[in-house]
PDB file of N, CA and C in Angstrom:
ATOM      1  N   UNK A   1      50.926 -32.054  19.081  1.00  0.00           N
ATOM      2  CA  UNK A   1      51.334 -30.999  18.322  1.00  0.00           C
ATOM      3  C   UNK A   1      50.203 -29.911  18.281  1.00  0.00           C
ATOM      4  N   UNK A   2      50.401 -28.775  18.357  1.00  0.00           N
ATOM      5  CA  UNK A   2      49.525 -27.493  18.454  1.00  0.00           C
ATOM      6  C   UNK A   2      49.467 -27.043  16.861  1.00  0.00           C
ATOM      7  N   UNK A   3      48.134 -26.998  16.498  1.00  0.00           N
ATOM      8  CA  UNK A   3      47.816 -26.537  15.161  1.00  0.00           C
ATOM      9  C   UNK A   3      47.054 -25.191  15.294  1.00  0.00           C
ATOM     10  N   UNK A   4      47.049 -24.285  14.468  1.00  0.00           N
ATOM     11  CA  UNK A   4      46.415 -22.996  14.366  1.00  0.00           C
ATOM     12  C   UNK A   4      45.378 -22.865  13.057  1.00  0.00           C
ATOM     13  N   UNK A   5      44.435 -22.519  13.253  1.00  0.00           N
ATOM     14  CA  UNK A   5      43.438 -22.280  11.969  1.00  0.00           C
ATOM     15  C   UNK A   5      43.584 -20.843  11.667  1.00  0.00           C
ATOM     16  N   UNK A   6      42.985 -20.393  10.401  1.00  0.00           N
ATOM     17  CA  UNK A   6      42.988 -19.226   9.796  1.00  0.00           C
ATOM     18  C   UNK A   6      42.259 -18.306  10.911  1.00  0.00           C
ATOM     19  N   UNK A   7      41.264 -18.779  11.466  1.00  0.00           N
ATOM     20  CA  UNK A   7      40.620 -17.885  12.430  1.00  0.00           C
ATOM     21  C   UNK A   7      41.511 -17.588  13.724  1.00  0.00           C
ATOM     22  N   UNK A   8      42.235 -18.591  14.091  1.00  0.00           N
ATOM     23  CA  UNK A   8      43.275 -18.448  15.294  1.00  0.00           C
ATOM     24  C   UNK A   8      44.240 -17.420  14.769  1.00  0.00           C
ATOM     25  N   UNK A   9      44.778 -17.412  13.595  1.00  0.00           N
ATOM     26  CA  UNK A   9      45.709 -16.505  13.221  1.00  0.00           C
ATOM     27  C   UNK A   9      45.192 -15.228  13.151  1.00  0.00           C
ATOM     28  N   UNK A  10      44.039 -14.861  12.822  1.00  0.00           N
ATOM     29  CA  UNK A  10      43.233 -13.534  12.754  1.00  0.00           C
ATOM     30  C   UNK A  10      43.180 -12.986  14.105  1.00  0.00           C
ATOM     31  N   UNK A  11      42.887 -13.797  14.958  1.00  0.00           N
ATOM     32  CA  UNK A  11      42.578 -13.527  16.258  1.00  0.00           C
ATOM     33  C   UNK A  11      43.835 -13.112  17.013  1.00  0.00           C
ATOM     34  N   UNK A  12      44.958 -13.938  16.867  1.00  0.00           N
ATOM     35  CA  UNK A  12      46.191 -13.620  17.512  1.00  0.00           C
ATOM     36  C   UNK A  12      46.963 -12.424  17.111  1.00  0.00           C
ATOM     37  N   UNK A  13      46.782 -12.126  15.724  1.00  0.00           N
ATOM     38  CA  UNK A  13      47.683 -11.031  15.249  1.00  0.00           C
ATOM     39  C   UNK A  13      46.527  -9.859  15.083  1.00  0.00           C
ATOM     40  N   UNK A  14      45.261  -9.925  15.464  1.00  0.00           N
ATOM     41  CA  UNK A  14      44.418  -8.890  15.415  1.00  0.00           C
ATOM     42  C   UNK A  14      44.202  -8.286  13.974  1.00  0.00           C
ATOM     43  N   UNK A  15      44.144  -9.252  12.925  1.00  0.00           N
ATOM     44  CA  UNK A  15      44.015  -8.764  11.605  1.00  0.00           C
ATOM     45  C   UNK A  15      42.733  -9.332  10.867  1.00  0.00           C
ATOM     46  N   UNK A  16      42.201  -8.901   9.780  1.00  0.00           N
ATOM     47  CA  UNK A  16      41.104  -9.373   8.998  1.00  0.00           C
ATOM     48  C   UNK A  16      41.401 -10.585   8.334  1.00  0.00           C
ATOM     49  N   UNK A  17      40.118 -11.280   8.013  1.00  0.00           N
ATOM     50  CA  UNK A  17      40.199 -12.528   7.251  1.00  0.00           C
ATOM     51  C   UNK A  17      41.059 -12.347   5.928  1.00  0.00           C
ATOM     52  N   UNK A  18      40.867 -11.306   5.189  1.00  0.00           N
ATOM     53  CA  UNK A  18      41.289 -11.049   3.888  1.00  0.00           C
ATOM     54  C   UNK A  18      42.953 -10.884   4.120  1.00  0.00           C
ATOM     55  N   UNK A  19      43.276 -10.438   5.145  1.00  0.00           N
ATOM     56  CA  UNK A  19      44.584  -9.961   5.492  1.00  0.00           C
ATOM     57  C   UNK A  19      45.444 -11.396   5.771  1.00  0.00           C
ATOM     58  N   UNK A  20      44.680 -12.406   6.441  1.00  0.00           N
ATOM     59  CA  UNK A  20      45.139 -13.611   6.792  1.00  0.00           C
ATOM     60  C   UNK A  20      45.514 -14.372   5.536  1.00  0.00           C
ATOM     61  N   UNK A  21      44.661 -14.328   4.484  1.00  0.00           N
ATOM     62  CA  UNK A  21      44.849 -14.839   3.072  1.00  0.00           C
ATOM     63  C   UNK A  21      46.010 -14.419   2.450  1.00  0.00           C
ATOM     64  N   UNK A  22      46.154 -13.072   2.399  1.00  0.00           N
ATOM     65  CA  UNK A  22      47.210 -12.354   1.689  1.00  0.00           C
ATOM     66  C   UNK A  22      48.546 -12.440   2.291  1.00  0.00           C
ATOM     67  N   UNK A  23      48.611 -12.699   3.585  1.00  0.00           N
ATOM     68  CA  UNK A  23      49.884 -12.919   4.559  1.00  0.00           C
ATOM     69  C   UNK A  23      50.097 -14.492   4.202  1.00  0.00           C
ATOM     70  N   UNK A  24      49.164 -15.200   4.101  1.00  0.00           N
ATOM     71  CA  UNK A  24      49.671 -16.814   3.853  1.00  0.00           C
ATOM     72  C   UNK A  24      50.077 -16.979   2.403  1.00  0.00           C
ATOM     73  N   UNK A  25      49.706 -16.195   1.605  1.00  0.00           N
ATOM     74  CA  UNK A  25      50.320 -16.298   0.151  1.00  0.00           C
ATOM     75  C   UNK A  25      51.612 -15.677   0.240  1.00  0.00           C
ATOM     76  N   UNK A  26      51.842 -14.578   0.932  1.00  0.00           N
ATOM     77  CA  UNK A  26      53.203 -13.769   0.892  1.00  0.00           C
ATOM     78  C   UNK A  26      54.360 -14.750   1.611  1.00  0.00           C
ATOM     79  N   UNK A  27      53.835 -15.612   2.418  1.00  0.00           N
ATOM     80  CA  UNK A  27      54.635 -16.612   3.116  1.00  0.00           C
ATOM     81  C   UNK A  27      54.720 -17.953   2.316  1.00  0.00           C
ATOM     82  N   UNK A  28      54.157 -17.862   1.203  1.00  0.00           N
ATOM     83  CA  UNK A  28      54.092 -19.246   0.403  1.00  0.00           C
ATOM     84  C   UNK A  28      53.473 -20.441   1.197  1.00  0.00           C
ATOM     85  N   UNK A  29      52.587 -20.165   1.909  1.00  0.00           N
ATOM     86  CA  UNK A  29      51.866 -21.179   2.759  1.00  0.00           C
ATOM     87  C   UNK A  29      50.488 -21.370   1.877  1.00  0.00           C
ATOM     88  N   UNK A  30      49.912 -22.662   1.941  1.00  0.00           N
ATOM     89  CA  UNK A  30      48.715 -22.770   1.048  1.00  0.00           C
ATOM     90  C   UNK A  30      47.688 -22.119   2.062  1.00  0.00           C
ATOM     91  N   UNK A  31      46.618 -21.652   1.112  1.00  0.00           N
ATOM     92  CA  UNK A  31      45.472 -20.994   1.785  1.00  0.00           C
ATOM     93  C   UNK A  31      44.410 -22.086   1.689  1.00  0.00           C
ATOM     94  N   UNK A  32      44.688 -23.110   0.948  1.00  0.00           N
ATOM     95  CA  UNK A  32      43.618 -24.214   1.162  1.00  0.00           C
ATOM     96  C   UNK A  32      43.535 -25.126   2.388  1.00  0.00           C
ATOM     97  N   UNK A  33      44.553 -25.063   3.119  1.00  0.00           N
ATOM     98  CA  UNK A  33      44.818 -25.858   4.272  1.00  0.00           C
ATOM     99  C   UNK A  33      43.913 -25.219   5.521  1.00  0.00           C
ATOM    100  N   UNK A  34      43.606 -26.037   6.409  1.00  0.00           N
ATOM    101  CA  UNK A  34      42.673 -25.680   7.647  1.00  0.00           C
ATOM    102  C   UNK A  34      43.563 -25.313   8.766  1.00  0.00           C
ATOM    103  N   UNK A  35      44.763 -26.074   8.819  1.00  0.00           N
ATOM    104  CA  UNK A  35      45.479 -26.170  10.066  1.00  0.00           C
ATOM    105  C   UNK A  35      46.942 -25.703   9.790  1.00  0.00           C
ATOM    106  N   UNK A  36      47.695 -24.910  10.537  1.00  0.00           N
ATOM    107  CA  UNK A  36      48.990 -24.572  10.329  1.00  0.00           C
ATOM    108  C   UNK A  36      49.759 -24.886  11.713  1.00  0.00           C
ATOM    109  N   UNK A  37      50.969 -25.203  11.425  1.00  0.00           N
ATOM    110  CA  UNK A  37      51.879 -25.673  12.624  1.00  0.00           C
ATOM    111  C   UNK A  37      52.428 -24.520  13.295  1.00  0.00           C
ATOM    112  N   UNK A  38      52.968 -24.631  14.616  1.00  0.00           N
ATOM    113  CA  UNK A  38      53.572 -23.643  15.206  1.00  0.00           C
ATOM    114  C   UNK A  38      54.838 -22.897  14.466  1.00  0.00           C
ATOM    115  N   UNK A  39      55.545 -23.715  13.798  1.00  0.00           N
ATOM    116  CA  UNK A  39      56.536 -23.051  12.808  1.00  0.00           C
ATOM    117  C   UNK A  39      55.819 -22.258  11.812  1.00  0.00           C
ATOM    118  N   UNK A  40      54.987 -22.620  11.114  1.00  0.00           N
ATOM    119  CA  UNK A  40      54.313 -21.742   9.908  1.00  0.00           C
ATOM    120  C   UNK A  40      53.654 -20.653  10.615  1.00  0.00           C
ATOM    121  N   UNK A  41      53.260 -20.722  11.927  1.00  0.00           N
ATOM    122  CA  UNK A  41      52.554 -19.486  12.544  1.00  0.00           C
ATOM    123  C   UNK A  41      53.663 -18.497  12.949  1.00  0.00           C
ATOM    124  N   UNK A  42      54.891 -19.042  13.128  1.00  0.00           N
ATOM    125  CA  UNK A  42      55.988 -18.029  13.474  1.00  0.00           C
ATOM    126  C   UNK A  42      56.297 -17.380  12.261  1.00  0.00           C
ATOM    127  N   UNK A  43      56.396 -18.015  11.280  1.00  0.00           N
ATOM    128  CA  UNK A  43      56.777 -17.455   9.924  1.00  0.00           C
ATOM    129  C   UNK A  43      55.634 -16.366   9.575  1.00  0.00           C
ATOM    130  N   UNK A  44      54.551 -16.875   9.681  1.00  0.00           N
ATOM    131  CA  UNK A  44      53.308 -15.907   9.436  1.00  0.00           C
ATOM    132  C   UNK A  44      53.190 -14.713  10.416  1.00  0.00           C
ATOM    133  N   UNK A  45      53.827 -14.726  11.750  1.00  0.00           N
ATOM    134  CA  UNK A  45      53.841 -13.753  12.558  1.00  0.00           C
ATOM    135  C   UNK A  45      55.056 -12.733  12.131  1.00  0.00           C
ATOM    136  N   UNK A  46      56.008 -13.353  11.677  1.00  0.00           N
ATOM    137  CA  UNK A  46      57.163 -12.394  11.253  1.00  0.00           C
ATOM    138  C   UNK A  46      56.845 -11.553  10.043  1.00  0.00           C
ATOM    139  N   UNK A  47      55.874 -12.192   9.095  1.00  0.00           N
ATOM    140  CA  UNK A  47      55.464 -11.430   8.075  1.00  0.00           C
ATOM    141  C   UNK A  47      54.537 -10.259   8.475  1.00  0.00           C
ATOM    142  N   UNK A  48      53.667 -10.560   9.193  1.00  0.00           N
ATOM    143  CA  UNK A  48      52.564  -9.591   9.766  1.00  0.00           C
ATOM    144  C   UNK A  48      53.320  -8.414  10.391  1.00  0.00           C
ATOM    145  N   UNK A  49      54.434  -8.863  11.143  1.00  0.00           N
ATOM    146  CA  UNK A  49      55.104  -7.713  11.836  1.00  0.00           C
ATOM    147  C   UNK A  49      55.980  -6.777  10.902  1.00  0.00           C
ATOM    148  N   UNK A  50      56.442  -7.503   9.777  1.00  0.00           N
ATOM    149  CA  UNK A  50      57.183  -6.745   8.868  1.00  0.00           C
ATOM    150  C   UNK A  50      56.426  -5.924   7.942  1.00  0.00           C
ATOM    151  N   UNK A  51      55.013  -6.395   7.778  1.00  0.00           N
ATOM    152  CA  UNK A  51      54.080  -5.451   6.984  1.00  0.00           C
ATOM    153  C   UNK A  51      53.415  -4.406   7.763  1.00  0.00           C
ATOM    154  N   UNK A  52      53.339  -4.420   9.023  1.00  0.00           N
ATOM    155  CA  UNK A  52      53.017  -3.266   9.932  1.00  0.00           C
ATOM    156  C   UNK A  52      53.981  -2.185   9.862  1.00  0.00           C
ATOM    157  N   UNK A  53      55.226  -2.636   9.737  1.00  0.00           N
ATOM    158  CA  UNK A  53      56.376  -1.523   9.869  1.00  0.00           C
ATOM    159  C   UNK A  53      56.540  -0.931   8.415  1.00  0.00           C
ATOM    160  N   UNK A  54      55.847  -1.192   7.516  1.00  0.00           N
ATOM    161  CA  UNK A  54      55.873  -0.786   5.989  1.00  0.00           C
ATOM    162  C   UNK A  54      54.971   0.480   5.872  1.00  0.00           C
TER     163      UNK A  54
END
């Protein structure tokens, strides 16, 4: 199974660390965790794209 770290998320979506934390919270994902699943990364990515359009 593939996992993604907060650093991976920041690099993949080209966003700052603080934005990663805010987006995780907006997705109701724990900011205390170190790794996230592909499914969680997909949800995270949809939220990033939604926020970019605002």
